Amino acid sequence: MPGHFEPLPGGGAAVALDDVEISIIRSLAVQLLELIGPGPAGDAPDDPLAELFADGPSEPPADPVLRRLFPDAYTDPEGTSGPRLADEQKAHSAEFRRYTENDLRAGKRENALTVVRSLDALAAEAAGAGGAVLKLTPQESQQWLRALNDLRLAIGSRLEITNEDDTDLLYRLPDEDPRKPMVMAYLWLGGLQETLVTTLLP
């Protein structure tokens, strides 16, 4: 079990984590929460329905990590659609974003919060023992899977990873490169994500 998820009887997944691993994942999840930000009416709105029907932003985020987490729905990466169609795609993306981004942010916040809460409970259990086994319900496993994906997208954006060739280059970075710790976290989270996917396959 160390370093990879395994299935639990009846559903869900488990992984053994030491104190350092717990601290790293928790820190990354908290940073992700800070990046995503609170809901439009704060974390505890007086009227949940008001937040549900509140319009979201229509423009893409300025931060490249947030643009990666909340991409445009309609794009032409090759730039072959022409100016008129490109303007139409931009308008459709703005409209789609206005009605969906708040919900997407809320979902990503809840996934990251699930990670933080489960790790806080695990840290209390692991106190003095150096580590413990994290056990997730099927629903928590799905939330962890989505949160791990978001964390890797965020780190990958900071590392300017756009394809597999970029990933191959990361393996060859010298130890003194300041990006090395972030690269190691990116690769490690990828391993956790892959084993969690395998664990949850029917």
Protein backbone atom coordinates (compact mmCIF):
# COMPACT_ATOMS: atom_id res chain seq x y z
CA MET A 1 0.00 0.00 0.00
CA PRO A 2 2.80 2.57 0.61
CA GLY A 3 2.84 5.11 -2.21
CA HIS A 4 -0.23 3.86 -4.02
CA PHE A 5 -3.97 3.48 -3.55
CA GLU A 6 -5.60 0.11 -3.07
CA PRO A 7 -9.30 -0.80 -3.09
CA LEU A 8 -11.27 -1.19 0.13
CA PRO A 9 -13.88 -3.92 0.60
CA GLY A 10 -17.25 -2.50 -0.28
CA GLY A 11 -15.81 0.39 -2.29
CA GLY A 12 -13.51 3.29 -1.69
CA ALA A 13 -9.73 3.36 -1.57
CA ALA A 14 -6.88 3.46 0.92
CA VAL A 15 -3.30 4.67 0.86
CA ALA A 16 -0.55 4.81 3.48
CA LEU A 17 0.90 8.31 3.93
CA ASP A 18 3.67 9.49 6.20
CA ASP A 19 3.73 12.84 8.01
CA VAL A 20 5.68 14.58 5.23
CA GLU A 21 3.35 13.33 2.50
CA ILE A 22 0.30 14.40 4.50
CA SER A 23 1.81 17.85 4.96
CA ILE A 24 2.71 18.26 1.27
CA ILE A 25 -0.69 17.28 -0.10
CA ARG A 26 -2.50 19.38 2.49
CA SER A 27 -0.35 22.42 1.72
CA LEU A 28 -0.97 22.07 -2.01
CA ALA A 29 -4.72 21.67 -1.48
CA VAL A 30 -4.82 24.80 0.71
CA GLN A 31 -2.92 26.75 -1.95
CA LEU A 32 -5.44 25.53 -4.53
CA LEU A 33 -8.30 26.73 -2.32
CA GLU A 34 -6.67 30.14 -1.98
CA LEU A 35 -6.24 30.32 -5.76
CA ILE A 36 -9.84 29.34 -6.53
CA GLY A 37 -11.12 31.77 -3.91
CA PRO A 38 -14.40 31.88 -1.99
CA GLY A 39 -17.82 31.75 -3.60
CA PRO A 40 -19.42 34.90 -5.01
CA ALA A 41 -21.22 35.51 -1.70
CA GLY A 42 -18.46 34.14 0.53
CA ASP A 43 -18.15 30.66 2.01
CA ALA A 44 -21.42 30.88 3.97
CA PRO A 45 -23.97 32.93 1.98
CA ASP A 46 -27.17 34.03 3.70
CA ASP A 47 -29.19 32.90 0.70
CA PRO A 48 -27.82 29.74 -0.98
CA LEU A 49 -30.33 30.16 -3.83
CA ALA A 50 -28.94 33.61 -4.59
CA GLU A 51 -25.51 32.08 -5.09
CA LEU A 52 -26.97 29.27 -7.18
CA PHE A 53 -28.51 31.74 -9.64
CA ALA A 54 -25.76 34.37 -9.51
CA ASP A 55 -24.06 35.09 -12.82
CA GLY A 56 -20.42 34.16 -13.03
CA PRO A 57 -17.65 36.00 -14.85
CA SER A 58 -17.74 36.22 -18.63
CA GLU A 59 -14.02 36.80 -19.17
CA PRO A 60 -11.30 34.15 -18.70
CA PRO A 61 -9.19 34.49 -15.54
CA ALA A 62 -5.97 36.49 -15.79
CA ASP A 63 -3.95 33.91 -13.85
CA PRO A 64 -2.63 31.19 -16.22
CA VAL A 65 -3.30 28.47 -13.64
CA LEU A 66 -6.93 29.51 -13.33
CA ARG A 67 -7.19 29.66 -17.13
CA ARG A 68 -6.00 26.04 -17.14
CA LEU A 69 -8.52 25.06 -14.46
CA PHE A 70 -11.36 27.03 -16.10
CA PRO A 71 -10.63 27.02 -19.85
CA ASP A 72 -12.82 28.54 -22.54
CA ALA A 73 -15.53 26.17 -23.74
CA TYR A 74 -15.12 27.13 -27.40
CA THR A 75 -11.64 27.65 -28.78
CA ASP A 76 -9.79 27.41 -32.06
CA PRO A 77 -6.21 26.51 -31.07
CA GLU A 78 -5.12 26.36 -34.69
CA GLY A 79 -6.53 29.80 -35.47
CA THR A 80 -8.15 28.57 -38.69
CA SER A 81 -11.76 29.64 -38.03
CA GLY A 82 -11.42 33.20 -39.32
CA PRO A 83 -12.19 36.48 -37.52
CA ARG A 84 -16.00 36.26 -37.69
CA LEU A 85 -16.19 32.70 -36.37
CA ALA A 86 -13.52 33.48 -33.77
CA ASP A 87 -15.66 36.35 -32.47
CA GLU A 88 -18.67 34.03 -32.31
CA GLN A 89 -16.65 31.43 -30.40
CA LYS A 90 -15.51 34.11 -27.96
CA ALA A 91 -19.10 35.24 -27.39
CA HIS A 92 -20.30 31.65 -26.87
CA SER A 93 -17.42 30.99 -24.45
CA ALA A 94 -18.28 34.13 -22.47
CA GLU A 95 -21.93 33.09 -22.21
CA PHE A 96 -21.04 29.53 -21.23
CA ARG A 97 -18.57 30.77 -18.62
CA ARG A 98 -21.14 33.18 -17.14
CA TYR A 99 -23.54 30.32 -16.40
CA THR A 100 -21.07 27.57 -15.41
CA GLU A 101 -17.92 28.95 -13.78
CA ASN A 102 -19.47 29.56 -10.36
CA ASP A 103 -20.63 25.93 -10.18
CA LEU A 104 -17.26 24.68 -11.41
CA ARG A 105 -15.44 26.73 -8.77
CA ALA A 106 -17.80 25.48 -6.06
CA GLY A 107 -17.15 21.88 -7.09
CA LYS A 108 -13.39 22.33 -7.13
CA ARG A 109 -13.52 24.06 -3.73
CA GLU A 110 -15.51 21.20 -2.23
CA ASN A 111 -13.11 18.60 -3.66
CA ALA A 112 -10.08 20.42 -2.24
CA LEU A 113 -11.84 20.88 1.11
CA THR A 114 -12.51 17.14 1.24
CA VAL A 115 -8.78 16.54 0.80
CA VAL A 116 -7.89 19.00 3.57
CA ARG A 117 -10.48 17.64 6.00
CA SER A 118 -9.55 14.01 5.46
CA LEU A 119 -5.85 14.82 5.86
CA ASP A 120 -6.52 16.79 9.06
CA ALA A 121 -8.29 13.77 10.50
CA LEU A 122 -5.46 11.51 9.34
CA ALA A 123 -2.79 13.80 10.82
CA ALA A 124 -4.47 13.58 14.21
CA GLU A 125 -4.50 9.80 13.90
CA ALA A 126 -0.87 9.71 12.74
CA ALA A 127 0.44 11.96 15.53
CA GLY A 128 3.45 10.28 17.08
CA ALA A 129 3.21 7.31 14.73
CA GLY A 130 4.95 8.89 11.72
CA GLY A 131 2.09 8.10 9.38
CA ALA A 132 -1.25 6.37 8.95
CA VAL A 133 -3.54 4.78 6.38
CA LEU A 134 -5.99 7.13 4.69
CA LYS A 135 -9.30 5.39 4.04
CA LEU A 136 -11.74 7.03 1.65
CA THR A 137 -15.38 6.30 0.93
CA PRO A 138 -16.37 5.89 -2.74
CA GLN A 139 -17.61 9.52 -2.83
CA GLU A 140 -14.45 10.82 -1.13
CA SER A 141 -12.36 8.79 -3.58
CA GLN A 142 -14.02 10.54 -6.52
CA GLN A 143 -13.47 13.94 -4.88
CA TRP A 144 -9.83 13.10 -4.22
CA LEU A 145 -9.41 12.02 -7.82
CA ARG A 146 -10.77 15.31 -9.13
CA ALA A 147 -8.69 17.30 -6.63
CA LEU A 148 -5.49 15.45 -7.58
CA ASN A 149 -6.22 16.23 -11.22
CA ASP A 150 -6.69 19.93 -10.39
CA LEU A 151 -3.46 20.00 -8.38
CA ARG A 152 -1.53 18.47 -11.28
CA LEU A 153 -3.10 20.92 -13.75
CA ALA A 154 -2.10 23.81 -11.47
CA ILE A 155 1.47 22.61 -11.01
CA GLY A 156 1.75 21.69 -14.69
CA SER A 157 0.68 25.20 -15.63
CA ARG A 158 3.31 26.74 -13.36
CA LEU A 159 5.91 24.41 -14.92
CA GLU A 160 4.60 25.28 -18.42
CA ILE A 161 3.88 21.65 -19.26
CA THR A 162 1.80 21.38 -22.42
CA ASN A 163 2.57 17.88 -23.70
CA GLU A 164 4.36 14.60 -22.92
CA ASP A 165 7.65 15.91 -24.34
CA ASP A 166 7.67 18.56 -21.63
CA THR A 167 7.17 15.84 -19.00
CA ASP A 168 10.13 13.87 -20.38
CA LEU A 169 12.35 16.92 -20.04
CA LEU A 170 11.37 17.30 -16.40
CA TYR A 171 12.89 13.93 -15.56
CA ARG A 172 16.27 15.24 -16.72
CA LEU A 173 16.31 18.44 -14.68
CA PRO A 174 19.43 18.74 -12.48
CA ASP A 175 18.88 18.60 -8.73
CA GLU A 176 19.97 22.22 -8.32
CA ASP A 177 17.18 23.48 -10.63
CA PRO A 178 14.72 25.50 -8.50
CA ARG A 179 11.81 23.79 -10.27
CA LYS A 180 12.92 20.35 -9.07
CA PRO A 181 10.74 20.17 -5.89
CA MET A 182 7.67 21.18 -7.89
CA VAL A 183 8.54 18.61 -10.56
CA MET A 184 8.86 15.88 -7.94
CA ALA A 185 5.47 16.84 -6.49
CA TYR A 186 3.94 16.81 -9.99
CA LEU A 187 5.27 13.34 -10.76
CA TRP A 188 4.36 11.94 -7.33
CA LEU A 189 0.80 13.25 -7.54
CA GLY A 190 0.58 11.71 -10.99
CA GLY A 191 1.47 8.32 -9.53
CA LEU A 192 -1.14 8.69 -6.79
CA GLN A 193 -3.74 9.76 -9.34
CA GLU A 194 -2.98 6.83 -11.63
CA THR A 195 -3.29 4.23 -8.85
CA LEU A 196 -6.52 5.84 -7.61
CA VAL A 197 -7.98 5.66 -11.13
CA THR A 198 -7.01 1.99 -11.35
CA THR A 199 -8.50 1.31 -7.91
CA LEU A 200 -11.83 2.86 -8.87
CA LEU A 201 -12.19 1.03 -12.18
CA PRO A 202 -15.12 -1.44 -12.14
